[in-house]
C-alpha atoms as a PDB file:
ATOM      1  CA  MET A   1     -65.597 197.141  -7.075  1.00  0.00           C
ATOM      2  CA  ILE A   2     -63.371 197.290  -4.044  1.00  0.00           C
ATOM      3  CA  LYS A   3     -63.942 200.941  -3.976  1.00  0.00           C
ATOM      4  CA  ALA A   4     -67.684 200.452  -3.782  1.00  0.00           C
ATOM      5  CA  VAL A   5     -67.524 197.550  -1.244  1.00  0.00           C
ATOM      6  CA  ILE A   6     -65.282 200.298   0.762  1.00  0.00           C
ATOM      7  CA  SER A   7     -67.769 203.045   0.099  1.00  0.00           C
ATOM      8  CA  ARG A   8     -70.887 200.896   1.067  1.00  0.00           C
ATOM      9  CA  TYR A   9     -68.843 200.065   4.234  1.00  0.00           C
ATOM     10  CA  TYR A  10     -68.456 203.535   5.367  1.00  0.00           C
ATOM     11  CA  PHE A  11     -72.002 204.890   4.163  1.00  0.00           C
ATOM     12  CA  THR A  12     -73.255 201.744   6.360  1.00  0.00           C
ATOM     13  CA  LYS A  13     -71.098 202.404   9.237  1.00  0.00           C
ATOM     14  CA  ILE A  14     -72.364 206.151   8.895  1.00  0.00           C
ATOM     15  CA  VAL A  15     -76.020 205.664   9.093  1.00  0.00           C
ATOM     16  CA  LEU A  16     -75.226 203.205  12.256  1.00  0.00           C
ATOM     17  CA  CYS A  17     -73.693 205.975  14.314  1.00  0.00           C
ATOM     18  CA  LEU A  18     -76.564 208.481  12.993  1.00  0.00           C
ATOM     19  CA  LEU A  19     -79.274 206.073  13.779  1.00  0.00           C
ATOM     20  CA  LEU A  20     -77.460 205.282  17.172  1.00  0.00           C
ATOM     21  CA  THR A  21     -77.484 209.241  17.879  1.00  0.00           C
ATOM     22  CA  PHE A  22     -80.984 209.898  17.064  1.00  0.00           C
ATOM     23  CA  LEU A  23     -81.825 206.964  19.439  1.00  0.00           C
ATOM     24  CA  PHE A  24     -79.256 208.273  22.068  1.00  0.00           C
ATOM     25  CA  HIS A  25     -81.700 211.781  22.006  1.00  0.00           C
ATOM     26  CA  ILE A  26     -84.824 210.211  22.079  1.00  0.00           C
ATOM     27  CA  PHE A  27     -83.831 208.262  25.079  1.00  0.00           C
ATOM     28  CA  HIS A  28     -82.742 210.999  26.678  1.00  0.00           C
ATOM     29  CA  ASP A  29     -85.265 213.552  26.058  1.00  0.00           C
ATOM     30  CA  ARG A  30     -87.753 211.280  27.331  1.00  0.00           C
ATOM     31  CA  ASN A  31     -86.311 210.338  30.344  1.00  0.00           C
ATOM     32  CA  VAL A  32     -86.593 206.685  29.965  1.00  0.00           C
ATOM     33  CA  TYR A  33     -83.223 206.106  32.337  1.00  0.00           C
ATOM     34  CA  PRO A  34     -84.085 207.882  35.361  1.00  0.00           C
ATOM     35  CA  ASP A  35     -81.792 207.618  38.501  1.00  0.00           C
ATOM     36  CA  THR A  36     -82.861 204.737  40.810  1.00  0.00           C
ATOM     37  CA  ASN A  37     -79.993 205.086  42.824  1.00  0.00           C
ATOM     38  CA  LYS A  38     -80.833 207.908  44.514  1.00  0.00           C
ATOM     39  CA  PHE A  39     -83.268 205.993  47.035  1.00  0.00           C
ATOM     40  CA  GLU A  40     -80.770 203.806  48.134  1.00  0.00           C
ATOM     41  CA  GLY A  41     -80.177 204.252  51.717  1.00  0.00           C
ATOM     42  CA  GLU A  42     -82.751 206.520  52.143  1.00  0.00           C
ATOM     43  CA  VAL A  43     -84.850 206.623  55.742  1.00  0.00           C
ATOM     44  CA  LEU A  44     -88.020 208.520  56.056  1.00  0.00           C
ATOM     45  CA  LYS A  45     -89.636 208.977  59.803  1.00  0.00           C
ATOM     46  CA  TYR A  46     -92.761 210.059  60.017  1.00  0.00           C
ATOM     47  CA  ASN A  47     -95.122 210.991  63.358  1.00  0.00           C
ATOM     48  CA  ILE A  48     -98.305 209.894  62.672  1.00  0.00           C
ATOM     49  CA  GLY A  49    -101.324 211.695  64.586  1.00  0.00           C
ATOM     50  CA  PHE A  50    -105.231 212.137  63.954  1.00  0.00           C
ATOM     51  CA  TRP A  51    -107.663 215.058  65.507  1.00  0.00           C
ATOM     52  CA  LEU A  52    -105.921 216.976  68.287  1.00  0.00           C
ATOM     53  CA  PHE A  53    -103.227 214.035  69.194  1.00  0.00           C
ATOM     54  CA  LYS A  54    -100.018 215.098  66.993  1.00  0.00           C
ATOM     55  CA  LYS A  55     -98.180 211.849  67.921  1.00  0.00           C
ATOM     56  CA  VAL A  56     -99.972 208.651  68.505  1.00  0.00           C
ATOM     57  CA  GLY A  57     -97.682 206.503  66.561  1.00  0.00           C
ATOM     58  CA  THR A  58     -94.695 206.331  63.909  1.00  0.00           C
ATOM     59  CA  ALA A  59     -93.897 205.375  60.614  1.00  0.00           C
ATOM     60  CA  THR A  60     -90.342 204.539  58.995  1.00  0.00           C
ATOM     61  CA  PHE A  61     -89.909 203.890  55.603  1.00  0.00           C
ATOM     62  CA  LYS A  62     -86.424 202.386  54.504  1.00  0.00           C
ATOM     63  CA  CYS A  63     -84.587 201.399  51.224  1.00  0.00           C
ATOM     64  CA  GLU A  64     -81.739 199.018  51.185  1.00  0.00           C
ATOM     65  CA  LYS A  65     -79.680 197.593  48.490  1.00  0.00           C
ATOM     66  CA  ASP A  66     -79.704 193.706  48.337  1.00  0.00           C
ATOM     67  CA  GLY A  67     -77.517 192.422  45.875  1.00  0.00           C
ATOM     68  CA  GLU A  68     -78.990 193.812  42.474  1.00  0.00           C
ATOM     69  CA  ALA A  69     -82.152 194.356  44.287  1.00  0.00           C
ATOM     70  CA  LEU A  70     -84.026 197.219  46.353  1.00  0.00           C
ATOM     71  CA  VAL A  71     -85.868 196.199  49.312  1.00  0.00           C
ATOM     72  CA  VAL A  72     -88.212 198.893  50.851  1.00  0.00           C
ATOM     73  CA  THR A  73     -89.699 198.493  54.212  1.00  0.00           C
ATOM     74  CA  ILE A  74     -92.319 200.298  56.061  1.00  0.00           C
ATOM     75  CA  ASP A  75     -92.825 199.834  59.674  1.00  0.00           C
ATOM     76  CA  ALA A  76     -95.802 201.647  61.238  1.00  0.00           C
ATOM     77  CA  GLN A  77     -97.023 201.511  64.825  1.00  0.00           C
ATOM     78  CA  THR A  78     -98.807 202.925  67.385  1.00  0.00           C
ATOM     79  CA  SER A  79     -97.364 204.545  70.961  1.00  0.00           C
ATOM     80  CA  GLY A  80     -97.647 206.091  74.157  1.00  0.00           C
ATOM     81  CA  PHE A  81    -101.521 206.227  75.630  1.00  0.00           C
ATOM     82  CA  LEU A  82    -102.853 204.675  72.285  1.00  0.00           C
ATOM     83  CA  ASP A  83    -100.852 201.677  71.945  1.00  0.00           C
ATOM     84  CA  LYS A  84    -101.810 200.782  75.235  1.00  0.00           C
ATOM     85  CA  ILE A  85    -105.664 200.773  74.376  1.00  0.00           C
ATOM     86  CA  ILE A  86    -105.635 199.228  70.658  1.00  0.00           C
ATOM     87  CA  HIS A  87    -101.989 198.297  69.708  1.00  0.00           C
ATOM     88  CA  ARG A  88    -101.417 198.543  65.771  1.00  0.00           C
ATOM     89  CA  HIS A  89     -98.257 197.439  64.397  1.00  0.00           C
ATOM     90  CA  ASN A  90     -97.965 196.861  60.497  1.00  0.00           C
ATOM     91  CA  ILE A  91     -95.096 196.017  58.491  1.00  0.00           C
ATOM     92  CA  TYR A  92     -95.137 195.950  54.529  1.00  0.00           C
ATOM     93  CA  ARG A  93     -91.865 195.118  52.829  1.00  0.00           C
ATOM     94  CA  THR A  94     -91.158 194.891  49.113  1.00  0.00           C
ATOM     95  CA  THR A  95     -88.333 193.282  47.258  1.00  0.00           C
ATOM     96  CA  MET A  96     -87.562 195.302  43.832  1.00  0.00           C
ATOM     97  CA  ILE A  97     -85.745 194.522  40.514  1.00  0.00           C
ATOM     98  CA  ILE A  98     -84.917 197.188  37.919  1.00  0.00           C
ATOM     99  CA  ASP A  99     -86.119 196.890  34.486  1.00  0.00           C
ATOM    100  CA  ASP A 100     -83.434 196.865  31.903  1.00  0.00           C
ATOM    101  CA  ILE A 101     -85.363 198.808  29.434  1.00  0.00           C
ATOM    102  CA  THR A 102     -87.685 201.245  31.366  1.00  0.00           C
ATOM    103  CA  ASN A 103     -85.527 201.263  34.702  1.00  0.00           C
ATOM    104  CA  ARG A 104     -89.202 200.624  36.462  1.00  0.00           C
ATOM    105  CA  LEU A 105     -88.818 198.855  39.643  1.00  0.00           C
ATOM    106  CA  LYS A 106     -90.731 195.837  39.718  1.00  0.00           C
ATOM    107  CA  PRO A 107     -91.805 193.651  42.645  1.00  0.00           C
ATOM    108  CA  THR A 108     -90.380 190.333  42.824  1.00  0.00           C
ATOM    109  CA  ASN A 109     -91.884 189.482  46.547  1.00  0.00           C
ATOM    110  CA  SER A 110     -93.517 191.611  48.616  1.00  0.00           C
ATOM    111  CA  TYR A 111     -94.731 190.969  52.439  1.00  0.00           C
ATOM    112  CA  GLU A 112     -97.244 192.173  54.896  1.00  0.00           C
ATOM    113  CA  LYS A 113     -97.990 191.717  58.795  1.00  0.00           C
ATOM    114  CA  LYS A 114    -100.855 193.609  60.420  1.00  0.00           C
ATOM    115  CA  VAL A 115    -101.212 193.279  64.040  1.00  0.00           C
ATOM    116  CA  LYS A 116    -104.337 194.307  65.757  1.00  0.00           C
ATOM    117  CA  ARG A 117    -104.209 194.069  69.504  1.00  0.00           C
ATOM    118  CA  LYS A 118    -103.605 190.162  69.616  1.00  0.00           C
ATOM    119  CA  LYS A 119    -104.800 189.408  65.911  1.00  0.00           C
ATOM    120  CA  GLU A 120    -102.246 189.041  63.557  1.00  0.00           C
ATOM    121  CA  ARG A 121    -102.634 188.606  59.372  1.00  0.00           C
ATOM    122  CA  ILE A 122    -100.058 187.713  57.157  1.00  0.00           C
ATOM    123  CA  MET A 123     -99.518 187.848  53.479  1.00  0.00           C
ATOM    124  CA  VAL A 124     -97.310 187.041  50.985  1.00  0.00           C
ATOM    125  CA  VAL A 125     -97.170 187.817  47.199  1.00  0.00           C
ATOM    126  CA  ASP A 126     -94.628 186.406  44.601  1.00  0.00           C
ATOM    127  CA  TYR A 127     -94.088 187.831  41.543  1.00  0.00           C
ATOM    128  CA  ASP A 128     -93.662 185.211  38.597  1.00  0.00           C
ATOM    129  CA  TYR A 129     -92.898 187.392  35.323  1.00  0.00           C
ATOM    130  CA  ILE A 130     -92.125 184.356  32.837  1.00  0.00           C
ATOM    131  CA  ASN A 131     -95.697 183.041  33.464  1.00  0.00           C
ATOM    132  CA  ASN A 132     -96.983 186.712  34.072  1.00  0.00           C
ATOM    133  CA  ILE A 133     -98.466 185.429  37.232  1.00  0.00           C
ATOM    134  CA  CYS A 134     -98.413 186.096  40.693  1.00  0.00           C
ATOM    135  CA  ASN A 135     -99.166 184.025  43.904  1.00  0.00           C
ATOM    136  CA  TYR A 136    -100.516 184.970  47.002  1.00  0.00           C
ATOM    137  CA  LYS A 137    -101.040 183.118  50.212  1.00  0.00           C
ATOM    138  CA  THR A 138    -102.815 184.671  53.720  1.00  0.00           C
ATOM    139  CA  TRP A 139    -102.191 183.429  57.105  1.00  0.00           C
ATOM    140  CA  ARG A 140    -104.426 184.259  60.201  1.00  0.00           C
ATOM    141  CA  ARG A 141    -103.792 183.246  63.690  1.00  0.00           C
ATOM    142  CA  GLY A 142    -100.431 181.568  62.089  1.00  0.00           C
ATOM    143  CA  VAL A 143    -102.718 179.082  59.977  1.00  0.00           C
ATOM    144  CA  VAL A 144    -103.416 179.425  55.973  1.00  0.00           C
ATOM    145  CA  HIS A 145    -106.615 181.469  55.407  1.00  0.00           C
ATOM    146  CA  LYS A 146    -106.752 181.971  51.789  1.00  0.00           C
ATOM    147  CA  GLU A 147    -104.020 181.368  48.506  1.00  0.00           C
ATOM    148  CA  GLY A 148    -104.258 181.762  44.914  1.00  0.00           C
ATOM    149  CA  SER A 149    -102.895 183.347  41.552  1.00  0.00           C
ATOM    150  CA  LEU A 150    -103.732 186.611  39.823  1.00  0.00           C
ATOM    151  CA  LYS A 151    -102.977 187.301  35.797  1.00  0.00           C
ATOM    152  CA  LEU A 152    -100.630 190.140  35.732  1.00  0.00           C
ATOM    153  CA  ASP A 153    -101.476 192.949  33.373  1.00  0.00           C
ATOM    154  CA  PRO A 154     -99.237 192.646  30.202  1.00  0.00           C
ATOM    155  CA  GLU A 155     -97.953 196.025  30.622  1.00  0.00           C
ATOM    156  CA  GLY A 156     -96.873 195.082  34.447  1.00  0.00           C
ATOM    157  CA  CYS A 157     -98.474 195.578  37.876  1.00  0.00           C
ATOM    158  CA  ASP A 158     -96.580 196.907  40.606  1.00  0.00           C
ATOM    159  CA  ASP A 159     -97.900 196.880  44.167  1.00  0.00           C
ATOM    160  CA  MET A 160     -98.676 199.990  46.370  1.00  0.00           C
ATOM    161  CA  ILE A 161     -94.418 200.579  47.541  1.00  0.00           C
ATOM    162  CA  SER A 162     -93.122 199.807  43.893  1.00  0.00           C
ATOM    163  CA  VAL A 163     -95.997 202.257  42.538  1.00  0.00           C
ATOM    164  CA  THR A 164     -94.808 204.546  44.830  1.00  0.00           C
ATOM    165  CA  TYR A 165     -91.080 204.818  44.107  1.00  0.00           C
ATOM    166  CA  ASN A 166     -92.009 204.760  40.373  1.00  0.00           C
ATOM    167  CA  PHE A 167     -94.068 207.713  40.641  1.00  0.00           C
ATOM    168  CA  ARG A 168     -91.594 209.565  42.291  1.00  0.00           C
ATOM    169  CA  ASN A 169     -89.052 208.714  39.919  1.00  0.00           C
ATOM    170  CA  GLU A 170     -91.383 209.837  37.328  1.00  0.00           C
ATOM    171  CA  ILE A 171     -91.351 206.431  35.374  1.00  0.00           C
ATOM    172  CA  TYR A 172     -95.205 206.605  34.844  1.00  0.00           C
ATOM    173  CA  GLY A 173     -94.595 210.388  33.099  1.00  0.00           C
ATOM    174  CA  GLU A 174     -93.718 213.926  34.295  1.00  0.00           C
ATOM    175  CA  VAL A 175     -94.670 214.924  37.970  1.00  0.00           C
ATOM    176  CA  LYS A 176     -96.216 218.417  37.627  1.00  0.00           C
ATOM    177  CA  GLU A 177     -99.263 220.713  38.425  1.00  0.00           C
ATOM    178  CA  GLY A 178    -102.222 219.551  36.505  1.00  0.00           C
ATOM    179  CA  SER A 179    -100.966 215.482  35.601  1.00  0.00           C
ATOM    180  CA  SER A 180    -102.977 212.765  35.981  1.00  0.00           C
ATOM    181  CA  PHE A 181    -101.757 208.928  36.406  1.00  0.00           C
ATOM    182  CA  ASN A 182    -103.782 205.724  36.375  1.00  0.00           C
ATOM    183  CA  ILE A 183    -101.836 202.417  36.942  1.00  0.00           C
ATOM    184  CA  THR A 184    -103.156 199.481  37.515  1.00  0.00           C
ATOM    185  CA  THR A 185    -101.542 197.507  40.839  1.00  0.00           C
ATOM    186  CA  VAL A 186    -101.933 194.209  42.466  1.00  0.00           C
ATOM    187  CA  TYR A 187    -103.384 193.476  45.806  1.00  0.00           C
ATOM    188  CA  LYS A 188    -104.436 189.870  46.871  1.00  0.00           C
ATOM    189  CA  ASP A 189    -106.742 188.477  44.382  1.00  0.00           C
ATOM    190  CA  LYS A 190    -107.534 191.937  43.114  1.00  0.00           C
ATOM    191  CA  SER A 191    -105.858 194.384  40.292  1.00  0.00           C
ATOM    192  CA  PRO A 192    -107.088 197.702  41.502  1.00  0.00           C
ATOM    193  CA  ASN A 193    -106.295 200.921  39.817  1.00  0.00           C
ATOM    194  CA  PHE A 194    -104.114 203.469  41.519  1.00  0.00           C
ATOM    195  CA  SER A 195    -105.299 207.196  40.493  1.00  0.00           C
ATOM    196  CA  ALA A 196    -103.266 210.376  41.061  1.00  0.00           C
ATOM    197  CA  ASN A 197    -104.144 213.976  40.201  1.00  0.00           C
ATOM    198  CA  VAL A 198    -101.515 216.392  41.011  1.00  0.00           C
ATOM    199  CA  ARG A 199    -102.121 219.779  42.027  1.00  0.00           C
ATOM    200  CA  SER A 200     -99.908 223.309  42.857  1.00  0.00           C
ATOM    201  CA  ALA A 201     -99.522 223.379  46.727  1.00  0.00           C
ATOM    202  CA  GLU A 202    -100.208 227.316  46.125  1.00  0.00           C
ATOM    203  CA  ASP A 203    -104.101 226.311  44.667  1.00  0.00           C
ATOM    204  CA  SER A 204    -104.523 224.053  47.194  1.00  0.00           C
ATOM    205  CA  ASP A 205    -106.718 224.304  50.717  1.00  0.00           C
ATOM    206  CA  GLU A 206    -104.270 221.982  52.326  1.00  0.00           C
ATOM    207  CA  LEU A 207    -101.350 224.643  51.748  1.00  0.00           C
ATOM    208  CA  SER A 208    -102.959 226.999  54.388  1.00  0.00           C
ATOM    209  CA  LYS A 209    -103.504 224.092  56.928  1.00  0.00           C
ATOM    210  CA  TRP A 210     -99.490 222.523  56.478  1.00  0.00           C
ATOM    211  CA  GLN A 211     -97.449 225.334  55.469  1.00  0.00           C
ATOM    212  CA  ASP A 212     -96.480 226.333  59.262  1.00  0.00           C
ATOM    213  CA  ILE A 213     -96.071 222.751  59.971  1.00  0.00           C
ATOM    214  CA  ILE A 214     -94.326 221.484  56.714  1.00  0.00           C
ATOM    215  CA  PRO A 215     -92.231 223.881  54.842  1.00  0.00           C
ATOM    216  CA  ASP A 216     -91.234 223.299  50.829  1.00  0.00           C
ATOM    217  CA  ILE A 217     -94.803 222.236  50.037  1.00  0.00           C
ATOM    218  CA  GLU A 218     -94.759 222.064  46.094  1.00  0.00           C
ATOM    219  CA  TYR A 219     -97.135 219.532  45.068  1.00  0.00           C
ATOM    220  CA  VAL A 220    -100.822 218.286  46.583  1.00  0.00           C
ATOM    221  CA  VAL A 221    -101.146 214.670  45.359  1.00  0.00           C
ATOM    222  CA  ASP A 222    -104.794 213.358  45.455  1.00  0.00           C
ATOM    223  CA  ILE A 223    -104.579 209.811  45.204  1.00  0.00           C
ATOM    224  CA  ALA A 224    -107.316 206.859  45.217  1.00  0.00           C
ATOM    225  CA  LEU A 225    -106.652 203.557  46.619  1.00  0.00           C
ATOM    226  CA  ALA A 226    -108.410 200.037  47.620  1.00  0.00           C
ATOM    227  CA  PRO A 227    -110.203 200.953  50.479  1.00  0.00           C
ATOM    228  CA  GLU A 228    -108.893 197.805  52.247  1.00  0.00           C
ATOM    229  CA  LEU A 229    -105.304 199.115  51.828  1.00  0.00           C
ATOM    230  CA  LEU A 230    -105.820 201.947  54.132  1.00  0.00           C
ATOM    231  CA  ASP A 231    -108.487 200.388  56.281  1.00  0.00           C
ATOM    232  CA  SER A 232    -110.644 203.137  55.197  1.00  0.00           C
ATOM    233  CA  LYS A 233    -114.097 203.957  53.577  1.00  0.00           C
ATOM    234  CA  GLU A 234    -113.143 205.140  50.401  1.00  0.00           C
ATOM    235  CA  GLY A 235    -109.443 204.627  50.097  1.00  0.00           C
ATOM    236  CA  LYS A 236    -108.377 208.394  49.542  1.00  0.00           C
ATOM    237  CA  LEU A 237    -105.048 209.772  50.500  1.00  0.00           C
ATOM    238  CA  ILE A 238    -103.758 212.906  50.147  1.00  0.00           C
ATOM    239  CA  VAL A 239     -99.758 213.395  49.973  1.00  0.00           C
ATOM    240  CA  LEU A 240     -97.689 216.606  50.127  1.00  0.00           C
ATOM    241  CA  LEU A 241     -94.653 216.714  47.854  1.00  0.00           C
ATOM    242  CA  THR A 242     -91.277 218.580  47.863  1.00  0.00           C
ATOM    243  CA  GLU A 243     -90.091 220.069  44.315  1.00  0.00           C
ATOM    244  CA  ASP A 244     -87.745 217.003  44.517  1.00  0.00           C
ATOM    245  CA  LEU A 245     -90.655 214.882  45.095  1.00  0.00           C
ATOM    246  CA  ILE A 246     -89.871 213.834  48.730  1.00  0.00           C
ATOM    247  CA  PRO A 247     -93.387 212.907  50.650  1.00  0.00           C
ATOM    248  CA  VAL A 248     -93.112 215.595  53.653  1.00  0.00           C
ATOM    249  CA  GLY A 249     -96.425 214.712  54.677  1.00  0.00           C
ATOM    250  CA  TYR A 250     -99.652 212.699  53.842  1.00  0.00           C
ATOM    251  CA  VAL A 251    -103.465 212.839  54.957  1.00  0.00           C
ATOM    252  CA  ALA A 252    -105.289 209.143  55.113  1.00  0.00           C
ATOM    253  CA  LYS A 253    -109.079 210.183  54.687  1.00  0.00           C
ATOM    254  CA  ASP A 254    -111.760 208.601  56.856  1.00  0.00           C
ATOM    255  CA  VAL A 255    -109.796 205.934  58.313  1.00  0.00           C
ATOM    256  CA  ILE A 256    -111.861 203.380  60.479  1.00  0.00           C
ATOM    257  CA  GLY A 257    -111.774 204.037  63.906  1.00  0.00           C
ATOM    258  CA  PHE A 258    -109.571 207.342  63.688  1.00  0.00           C
ATOM    259  CA  GLY A 259    -111.139 209.500  61.123  1.00  0.00           C
ATOM    260  CA  ASP A 260    -108.342 211.635  59.095  1.00  0.00           C
ATOM    261  CA  LEU A 261    -104.943 209.776  60.018  1.00  0.00           C
ATOM    262  CA  TYR A 262    -102.084 212.264  58.914  1.00  0.00           C
ATOM    263  CA  GLY A 263     -98.244 211.646  58.663  1.00  0.00           C
ATOM    264  CA  VAL A 264     -95.706 214.447  59.309  1.00  0.00           C
ATOM    265  CA  LEU A 265     -91.997 213.746  58.275  1.00  0.00           C
ATOM    266  CA  ASP A 266     -89.892 214.059  61.129  1.00  0.00           C
ATOM    267  CA  ARG A 267     -86.599 213.149  59.764  1.00  0.00           C
ATOM    268  CA  GLU A 268     -84.871 212.338  56.218  1.00  0.00           C
ATOM    269  CA  ILE A 269     -81.789 210.532  56.458  1.00  0.00           C
ATOM    270  CA  LYS A 270     -79.511 209.704  53.104  1.00  0.00           C
END
């Protein structure tokens, strides 16, 4: 009887070891745990232009560690002669935590400030994953304009910043020629979809326009967003990526008051 108990003990131990090994290979092969640390300390600085003007503004993407969270801040503003005429200054900031199971970056709080000449609009969104809702509040000219709550999708909703970094980290799937993504996002009182289609740069008309300006373009990504996110007519965005999925350029189509607004990576700091 003792031998039988020992035999069952070792049999159970062997089965558990085999099961753990099997699960490890599944997780490893499916790339469930990609590296989010690669974004920490990353700073991407872009020159913004439109029509014949190569630099009418700048945009800086900065990713910083804050305890266990990652904070990404986008600071975009006009400069030079255009700044004196129309003055725009937009700030977007999202604080994210890492999901223990999928390694997805989940937003916990987002802040948006838009300044147009002397007009100022602010929006703050707080994510409550216990009750599966997000609460938002907007201000105009320092006065509360609107507030409310939005039910989150059971599979999780991201804002545009967390979508961007999860996409680059291939949380939604491998980024390659022909891949497509349709992701539910959160923006104020809406749940718009983030749709992206990936093309090879070699088969894209955009390559001929940019290859002399931006080197190492590997992919061209056609993205559809909520139009109000870009202040554009249709919310169309084209992003140019390297093989390492670093966004080296973008074109926001039909932005109101500008037409096609483009950004070119000026500096990458790590």
